[in-house]
Amino acid sequence: MLNLLQQLFFIIAISIIFSCKSKNEYEIVSENLSPLYPLKISPKEDDWLYTRKDEYQSLDDYIKSNPTSIDSVRTKIYIMLIGNFDEAQKDIVSNTADYLHAFYGLETAFVVINKDADIFEKSRTNPSHNQLQLSAKQLMNNILKPQLPKDAATLIGFTTYDLYPGNDWNYIFGLGSVRDRVGVWSMYRFGDPHKSEEKELCLERTIKTATHEIGHMFSMLHCAKYECCMNGSNTLSELTSHPAYFCPNCLAKICWNLKHDPKKHLNDVKKFWDKRNNKNMADPYNKSLKVL
């Protein structure tokens, strides 16, 4: 009788152990890195979260959402230039493409906009500042989506024009679709790349916006827990204050999705900033690599 009870107890114990969800490698990396990364600060007036609420999305939530991902065919990040770009502006785009390759670990390539594409359809004059603004949604639906290459993981349009998403908005820095794999962003408000004192800041802002919008294209929601590149931005000063890196939680999500080694991701992005002698941007990666 005792032996039977012992066997029964053993079977129950084993069942409990194996029914418990074991942590995957990405969750472990996230937990190890979490002490290094600051939590989201309370929003100030005019900040994104001052009048909005972004729900926390865990790695488990993200996995269950069946996020957009790469496959054996869709393996590239494509960039389309919308409008005219001079050499200084093209240099910003080229460096951003190099960064996206380092950050997402995917090949970046360019696709040329169709000659008959009407980028000014549904454009408007900003009611407050009178500058021309292109419709972000029109660009995504009528220009980017029809030209999405078969081997594209994502296609993102890049423009020097200001953007707006709807008549009830003043402007946006960029807009990305969670499911359609297209997005658009603008460097209009990011500073003058022709001025040496503004060029690096213009690049940093462009990189943050491009990385953020492509994060959305891989079905990532706004980050509500940490200071993170996936934080929403309502103003240029708020965008500038956000880091270019992904927090531990968002890093775990994108590495799980793209089947990336988190340490390789950190090292590749660190090398990008090291090459530009940008110690402030490289420093979080150096600290993270020491932990891993």
Protein backbone atom coordinates (compact mmCIF):
# COMPACT_ATOMS: atom_id res chain seq x y z
CA MET A 1 0.00 0.00 0.00
CA LEU A 2 2.81 2.38 0.96
CA ASN A 3 4.69 1.56 -2.22
CA LEU A 4 1.57 2.33 -4.29
CA LEU A 5 1.15 5.71 -2.56
CA GLN A 6 4.81 6.54 -3.16
CA GLN A 7 4.45 5.72 -6.85
CA LEU A 8 1.32 7.86 -7.08
CA PHE A 9 3.05 10.77 -5.36
CA PHE A 10 5.99 10.45 -7.75
CA ILE A 11 3.70 10.52 -10.80
CA ILE A 12 1.87 13.63 -9.52
CA ALA A 13 5.14 15.42 -8.76
CA ILE A 14 6.53 14.71 -12.23
CA SER A 15 3.29 15.89 -13.83
CA ILE A 16 3.45 19.17 -11.93
CA ILE A 17 7.08 19.75 -12.90
CA PHE A 18 6.52 19.17 -16.60
CA SER A 19 3.28 21.14 -16.68
CA CYS A 20 5.10 24.25 -15.52
CA LYS A 21 6.12 26.56 -18.38
CA SER A 22 9.89 26.56 -18.70
CA LYS A 23 11.58 29.82 -19.63
CA ASN A 24 13.02 30.06 -23.11
CA GLU A 25 16.46 31.51 -23.87
CA TYR A 26 15.04 34.91 -24.78
CA GLU A 27 13.18 35.27 -21.48
CA ILE A 28 16.38 34.41 -19.62
CA VAL A 29 18.33 37.04 -21.56
CA SER A 30 15.61 39.59 -20.84
CA GLU A 31 15.70 38.86 -17.12
CA ASN A 32 19.51 39.09 -17.03
CA LEU A 33 19.51 42.46 -18.79
CA SER A 34 16.53 44.04 -17.02
CA PRO A 35 18.50 45.58 -14.10
CA LEU A 36 20.51 47.65 -16.60
CA TYR A 37 17.57 49.35 -18.29
CA PRO A 38 15.51 52.23 -16.82
CA LEU A 39 11.76 51.81 -16.46
CA LYS A 40 9.42 54.20 -18.28
CA ILE A 41 9.29 57.55 -16.57
CA SER A 42 5.99 59.28 -15.82
CA PRO A 43 4.81 61.25 -18.87
CA LYS A 44 4.91 65.02 -18.98
CA GLU A 45 2.22 67.18 -20.54
CA ASP A 46 2.29 66.75 -24.35
CA ASP A 47 4.05 63.37 -24.07
CA TRP A 48 2.57 60.38 -25.88
CA LEU A 49 1.37 58.64 -22.73
CA TYR A 50 -0.06 61.79 -21.15
CA THR A 51 -3.37 61.28 -22.97
CA ARG A 52 -2.95 57.69 -24.20
CA LYS A 53 -2.53 54.29 -22.60
CA ASP A 54 -0.29 51.68 -24.20
CA GLU A 55 -0.89 48.18 -22.86
CA TYR A 56 2.10 46.10 -21.76
CA GLN A 57 2.90 43.33 -24.25
CA SER A 58 4.94 40.48 -22.76
CA LEU A 59 7.00 38.05 -24.84
CA ASP A 60 4.28 35.46 -24.29
CA ASP A 61 1.61 37.91 -25.47
CA TYR A 62 3.70 38.65 -28.53
CA ILE A 63 4.20 34.98 -29.40
CA LYS A 64 0.47 34.30 -29.03
CA SER A 65 -0.37 37.20 -31.38
CA ASN A 66 1.10 35.27 -34.33
CA PRO A 67 3.34 38.20 -35.33
CA THR A 68 4.47 39.04 -38.84
CA SER A 69 7.84 37.43 -39.47
CA ILE A 70 10.34 36.37 -42.09
CA ASP A 71 10.26 33.07 -43.95
CA SER A 72 12.32 31.28 -46.59
CA VAL A 73 11.29 33.88 -49.19
CA ARG A 74 10.65 37.10 -47.28
CA THR A 75 14.12 37.96 -45.99
CA LYS A 76 14.91 41.58 -46.91
CA ILE A 77 14.19 45.06 -45.61
CA TYR A 78 13.43 47.27 -48.61
CA ILE A 79 13.64 51.05 -48.62
CA MET A 80 11.91 53.32 -51.14
CA LEU A 81 12.87 56.99 -51.55
CA ILE A 82 9.77 59.17 -51.96
CA GLY A 83 10.51 62.60 -53.42
CA ASN A 84 13.87 64.23 -54.15
CA PHE A 85 16.99 63.67 -52.04
CA ASP A 86 20.30 65.53 -52.25
CA GLU A 87 23.64 63.96 -51.34
CA ALA A 88 23.52 64.89 -47.64
CA GLN A 89 20.04 63.43 -47.31
CA LYS A 90 21.03 60.29 -49.23
CA ASP A 91 23.92 59.85 -46.81
CA ILE A 92 21.45 59.81 -43.90
CA VAL A 93 19.40 57.16 -45.70
CA SER A 94 22.49 55.06 -46.52
CA ASN A 95 23.69 55.09 -42.90
CA THR A 96 20.19 54.28 -41.69
CA ALA A 97 20.08 51.29 -44.05
CA ASP A 98 23.42 50.09 -42.62
CA TYR A 99 22.02 50.46 -39.11
CA LEU A 100 18.86 48.53 -39.91
CA HIS A 101 21.00 45.71 -41.29
CA ALA A 102 22.99 45.62 -38.05
CA PHE A 103 19.90 45.92 -35.85
CA TYR A 104 17.56 43.44 -37.53
CA GLY A 105 20.21 41.19 -39.06
CA LEU A 106 18.45 41.29 -42.44
CA GLU A 107 19.75 42.37 -45.82
CA THR A 108 18.69 45.89 -46.79
CA ALA A 109 17.99 46.87 -50.39
CA PHE A 110 16.36 49.71 -52.30
CA VAL A 111 13.33 49.66 -54.58
CA VAL A 112 12.62 52.50 -57.03
CA ILE A 113 9.23 54.18 -56.88
CA ASN A 114 7.06 53.79 -59.98
CA LYS A 115 7.41 56.76 -62.32
CA ASP A 116 3.65 57.30 -62.48
CA ALA A 117 3.18 57.16 -58.69
CA ASP A 118 1.33 60.22 -57.43
CA ILE A 119 2.91 60.99 -54.07
CA PHE A 120 0.87 64.20 -53.76
CA GLU A 121 -2.53 62.50 -53.82
CA LYS A 122 -4.42 63.56 -50.67
CA SER A 123 -1.57 65.89 -49.69
CA ARG A 124 -2.51 69.00 -47.75
CA THR A 125 -1.17 72.30 -46.46
CA ASN A 126 -0.63 72.11 -42.71
CA PRO A 127 -3.31 74.35 -41.14
CA SER A 128 -0.92 75.64 -38.47
CA HIS A 129 2.40 76.09 -40.29
CA ASN A 130 1.41 76.11 -43.99
CA GLN A 131 3.98 73.52 -45.12
CA LEU A 132 3.10 70.81 -47.62
CA GLN A 133 2.33 67.44 -46.02
CA LEU A 134 1.96 64.06 -47.71
CA SER A 135 -0.68 61.58 -46.57
CA ALA A 136 1.10 58.71 -44.81
CA LYS A 137 -1.86 56.37 -45.27
CA GLN A 138 -2.13 57.15 -48.99
CA LEU A 139 1.57 56.45 -49.48
CA MET A 140 1.26 53.14 -47.66
CA ASN A 141 -1.93 51.95 -49.36
CA ASN A 142 -1.48 53.24 -52.91
CA ILE A 143 2.30 53.32 -53.43
CA LEU A 144 4.09 51.02 -50.98
CA LYS A 145 1.69 48.06 -50.79
CA PRO A 146 1.39 47.64 -54.60
CA GLN A 147 5.20 47.68 -54.90
CA LEU A 148 5.94 45.29 -52.03
CA PRO A 149 8.60 42.91 -53.43
CA LYS A 150 7.98 39.18 -53.11
CA ASP A 151 11.15 38.71 -51.05
CA ALA A 152 10.41 41.66 -48.75
CA ALA A 153 10.10 41.13 -45.04
CA THR A 154 9.19 44.83 -44.93
CA LEU A 155 9.09 47.83 -47.25
CA ILE A 156 9.51 51.27 -45.74
CA GLY A 157 9.19 54.54 -47.60
CA PHE A 158 11.49 57.39 -46.74
CA THR A 159 10.68 61.00 -47.58
CA THR A 160 11.94 64.52 -47.03
CA TYR A 161 8.36 65.81 -47.00
CA ASP A 162 6.37 66.26 -43.81
CA LEU A 163 3.68 63.63 -43.11
CA TYR A 164 0.20 63.52 -41.63
CA PRO A 165 -2.02 60.44 -40.91
CA GLY A 166 -5.44 62.11 -40.79
CA ASN A 167 -7.06 65.53 -40.65
CA ASP A 168 -7.33 65.41 -36.86
CA TRP A 169 -3.51 65.16 -36.55
CA ASN A 170 -0.94 67.94 -36.90
CA TYR A 171 1.86 65.67 -38.16
CA ILE A 172 3.61 62.34 -37.56
CA PHE A 173 7.24 61.25 -37.77
CA GLY A 174 6.33 57.89 -39.28
CA LEU A 175 3.64 55.25 -39.59
CA GLY A 176 3.96 51.47 -39.86
CA SER A 177 1.38 48.75 -40.44
CA VAL A 178 1.37 45.87 -37.96
CA ARG A 179 0.12 43.41 -40.61
CA ASP A 180 0.76 44.79 -44.11
CA ARG A 181 4.58 44.93 -43.78
CA VAL A 182 4.80 48.51 -45.10
CA GLY A 183 5.49 51.82 -43.45
CA VAL A 184 6.71 55.34 -44.13
CA TRP A 185 8.82 57.85 -42.23
CA SER A 186 10.03 61.39 -42.76
CA MET A 187 13.22 63.30 -41.98
CA TYR A 188 11.48 66.67 -42.43
CA ARG A 189 11.60 67.58 -38.72
CA PHE A 190 14.86 65.86 -37.76
CA GLY A 191 17.38 68.64 -38.36
CA ASP A 192 19.54 69.84 -41.24
CA PRO A 193 21.96 67.12 -42.40
CA HIS A 194 23.92 69.77 -44.35
CA LYS A 195 25.08 71.32 -41.06
CA SER A 196 27.90 69.42 -39.34
CA GLU A 197 26.51 70.22 -35.89
CA GLU A 198 23.10 68.74 -36.76
CA LYS A 199 24.03 65.80 -39.00
CA GLU A 200 24.57 63.17 -36.27
CA LEU A 201 21.42 64.21 -34.42
CA CYS A 202 19.45 64.01 -37.68
CA LEU A 203 20.80 60.49 -38.21
CA GLU A 204 19.96 59.41 -34.65
CA ARG A 205 16.38 60.65 -34.97
CA THR A 206 16.01 58.98 -38.37
CA ILE A 207 17.38 55.69 -37.03
CA LYS A 208 15.04 55.76 -34.03
CA THR A 209 12.00 56.35 -36.23
CA ALA A 210 12.96 53.73 -38.82
CA THR A 211 13.73 51.11 -36.16
CA HIS A 212 10.46 51.90 -34.37
CA GLU A 213 8.29 51.66 -37.50
CA ILE A 214 9.90 48.39 -38.62
CA GLY A 215 9.26 47.08 -35.11
CA HIS A 216 5.56 47.76 -35.75
CA MET A 217 5.84 45.93 -39.09
CA PHE A 218 6.98 42.89 -37.12
CA SER A 219 3.78 43.26 -35.03
CA MET A 220 5.41 44.85 -32.00
CA LEU A 221 3.23 47.22 -30.01
CA HIS A 222 4.41 50.34 -28.22
CA CYS A 223 6.55 49.60 -25.20
CA ALA A 224 4.90 50.67 -21.96
CA LYS A 225 7.36 49.28 -19.41
CA TYR A 226 10.84 50.62 -20.18
CA GLU A 227 12.51 53.58 -21.79
CA CYS A 228 12.76 52.04 -25.25
CA CYS A 229 12.88 52.73 -28.97
CA MET A 230 9.36 51.28 -29.15
CA ASN A 231 7.96 54.05 -26.92
CA GLY A 232 5.41 56.27 -28.64
CA SER A 233 6.49 59.84 -29.43
CA ASN A 234 4.23 62.87 -29.57
CA THR A 235 6.85 65.62 -30.01
CA LEU A 236 10.35 65.97 -31.43
CA SER A 237 11.81 66.50 -27.97
CA GLU A 238 10.15 63.30 -26.74
CA LEU A 239 11.46 61.35 -29.75
CA THR A 240 14.95 62.74 -29.13
CA SER A 241 14.82 61.69 -25.48
CA HIS A 242 13.97 58.07 -26.31
CA PRO A 243 16.83 55.59 -26.69
CA ALA A 244 17.65 53.94 -30.01
CA TYR A 245 17.94 50.52 -28.35
CA PHE A 246 15.23 47.98 -27.62
CA CYS A 247 14.60 47.33 -23.93
CA PRO A 248 15.12 43.75 -22.64
CA ASN A 249 11.48 42.85 -23.25
CA CYS A 250 11.36 44.17 -26.83
CA LEU A 251 14.80 42.72 -27.55
CA ALA A 252 13.50 39.30 -26.50
CA LYS A 253 10.49 39.69 -28.81
CA ILE A 254 12.41 40.64 -31.94
CA CYS A 255 15.16 38.07 -31.34
CA TRP A 256 12.55 35.36 -30.81
CA ASN A 257 10.73 36.42 -33.99
CA LEU A 258 13.79 36.60 -36.23
CA LYS A 259 15.59 33.73 -34.47
CA HIS A 260 18.54 35.98 -33.67
CA ASP A 261 21.26 35.47 -31.12
CA PRO A 262 20.76 38.41 -28.69
CA LYS A 263 24.49 38.67 -28.07
CA LYS A 264 25.20 38.93 -31.81
CA HIS A 265 22.49 41.59 -32.13
CA LEU A 266 24.06 43.65 -29.35
CA ASN A 267 27.54 43.27 -30.78
CA ASP A 268 26.52 44.17 -34.34
CA VAL A 269 24.78 47.37 -33.24
CA LYS A 270 27.67 48.25 -30.93
CA LYS A 271 30.07 47.97 -33.90
CA PHE A 272 27.90 50.38 -35.90
CA TRP A 273 28.11 53.06 -33.22
CA ASP A 274 31.79 52.35 -32.54
CA LYS A 275 32.52 52.96 -36.22
CA ARG A 276 30.88 56.39 -35.89
CA ASN A 277 32.76 57.10 -32.62
CA ASN A 278 29.40 57.63 -30.91
CA LYS A 279 30.18 56.53 -27.35
CA ASN A 280 26.81 57.55 -25.91
CA MET A 281 24.90 55.32 -28.31
CA ALA A 282 27.37 52.43 -27.97
CA ASP A 283 27.52 52.50 -24.17
CA PRO A 284 24.26 50.56 -23.44
CA TYR A 285 25.43 47.79 -25.74
CA ASN A 286 28.81 47.58 -24.05
CA LYS A 287 27.13 47.27 -20.64
CA SER A 288 24.70 44.63 -21.91
CA LEU A 289 27.45 42.54 -23.51
CA LYS A 290 29.34 42.46 -20.22
CA VAL A 291 26.30 40.92 -18.53
CA LEU A 292 25.81 38.28 -21.22
